Protein backbone atom coordinates (compact mmCIF):
# COMPACT_ATOMS: atom_id res chain seq x y z
CA MET A 1 126.81 92.30 46.47
CA THR A 2 128.82 93.25 43.42
CA GLU A 3 125.53 93.63 41.79
CA LYS A 4 122.46 95.65 43.30
CA TYR A 5 119.10 93.89 43.55
CA ARG A 6 117.16 93.89 40.65
CA PRO A 7 113.24 93.98 41.66
CA GLY A 8 111.42 90.83 40.75
CA THR A 9 114.66 88.94 40.97
CA PHE A 10 113.60 85.03 41.55
CA CYS A 11 110.05 86.28 42.55
CA ILE A 12 109.19 86.23 39.14
CA ASP A 13 110.91 82.85 38.58
CA ILE A 14 108.67 80.93 41.38
CA GLN A 15 105.80 83.10 40.68
CA CYS A 16 105.33 84.39 43.94
CA PRO A 17 101.88 85.82 44.69
CA LYS A 18 103.20 88.76 47.14
CA HIS A 19 105.43 89.86 43.73
CA LYS A 20 101.82 91.62 42.76
CA GLU A 21 102.15 93.97 45.89
CA LEU A 22 105.58 95.13 45.07
CA ASP A 23 105.17 95.55 41.44
CA PRO A 24 104.35 98.99 41.78
CA LEU A 25 107.45 99.88 43.49
CA LYS A 26 109.97 98.89 40.77
CA GLY A 27 110.84 102.38 40.22
CA ASP A 28 111.96 103.12 43.73
CA ALA A 29 114.68 100.69 44.91
CA ASP A 30 114.65 101.90 48.16
CA ALA A 31 110.95 101.53 48.84
CA TYR A 32 110.74 98.11 47.18
CA LEU A 33 113.39 96.65 49.17
CA GLU A 34 111.96 97.97 52.45
CA GLN A 35 108.72 96.79 51.25
CA LYS A 36 110.02 93.71 50.44
CA LYS A 37 111.87 92.87 53.44
CA LYS A 38 108.20 92.99 55.19
CA LEU A 39 106.51 90.46 52.92
CA CYS A 40 109.11 88.19 52.04
CA ARG A 41 110.84 87.94 55.74
CA ASP A 42 109.36 84.06 55.79
CA CYS A 43 110.28 83.50 52.07
CA LEU A 44 113.55 81.14 52.34
CA ALA A 45 114.96 82.02 48.90
CA TRP A 46 114.67 85.70 49.84
CA ARG A 47 116.65 84.83 53.36
CA PHE A 48 119.20 83.25 51.29
CA PHE A 49 119.44 86.12 48.91
CA LEU A 50 120.19 88.59 52.30
CA TRP A 51 122.53 85.93 53.83
CA LEU A 52 124.20 85.59 50.83
CA ASP A 53 124.56 89.64 50.47
CA ASP A 54 125.66 89.72 54.51
CA HIS A 55 128.25 87.24 53.99
CA ASP A 56 129.72 88.72 50.60
CA PHE A 57 129.02 85.82 48.41
CA ARG A 58 127.55 86.03 45.02
CA VAL A 59 125.75 83.82 42.40
CA ILE A 60 127.15 83.90 39.25
CA LYS A 61 125.84 82.34 35.78
CA THR A 62 127.97 79.80 34.37
CA PHE A 63 127.96 78.78 30.55
CA ASP A 64 128.08 75.96 28.77
CA GLU A 65 131.88 74.75 28.20
CA ILE A 66 133.62 76.30 24.88
CA PRO A 67 136.48 75.06 23.07
CA ALA A 68 139.56 76.79 24.39
CA LYS A 69 140.81 78.99 21.65
CA GLU A 70 137.63 80.36 21.17
CA LEU A 71 137.62 81.33 24.87
CA ALA A 72 141.10 82.63 24.53
CA ALA A 73 139.75 84.95 21.43
CA ARG A 74 136.47 85.96 23.55
CA LEU A 75 139.12 86.65 26.33
CA LYS A 76 141.56 89.26 23.86
CA GLY A 77 138.13 90.76 22.87
CA ILE A 78 138.56 89.17 19.49
CA ASP A 79 136.03 87.38 16.99
CA PRO A 80 137.10 83.91 16.85
CA VAL A 81 136.10 83.06 13.05
CA LYS A 82 138.60 85.52 12.62
CA VAL A 83 141.78 83.99 14.49
CA GLU A 84 140.76 80.23 13.85
CA HIS A 85 143.56 79.61 12.35
CA LEU A 86 146.35 80.41 14.97
CA SER A 87 147.01 79.19 18.44
CA ILE A 88 146.11 79.54 21.70
CA GLU A 89 149.27 81.17 22.48
CA GLU A 90 149.16 83.39 19.20
CA ILE A 91 145.83 84.53 20.32
CA LEU A 92 146.91 85.44 23.51
CA CYS A 93 149.82 87.27 22.47
CA LEU A 94 147.70 89.68 20.08
C-alpha cells in the first residue's frame, strides 16, 4: 500500500471490542500488527484490508464534486477566490 497502516483504522469506527487489547501497542507498529494478525484473523474487515494490501489495491476517499474552475485553481495551488475572474484555461496556464 502507498500509505502505512495507521493503528486503529476501522477498528475504532466499528467499535471493535478487541481493539482495547491493541491500544497499548500503538507506539510500536510492528508489535501492533503482529498482535492484530492474531486477534483479528477472523475479522472480515481486517481480512479485506490484507487482501487489498496483497493485491496492491488502495482505498481512496472521494470528495464532493467541486466546480471545474475551483478544481483547476486547487490543482495549480492557487486560492480559487483570487482567480474567479479567469477562465479554466487561463488558470491552468498560470
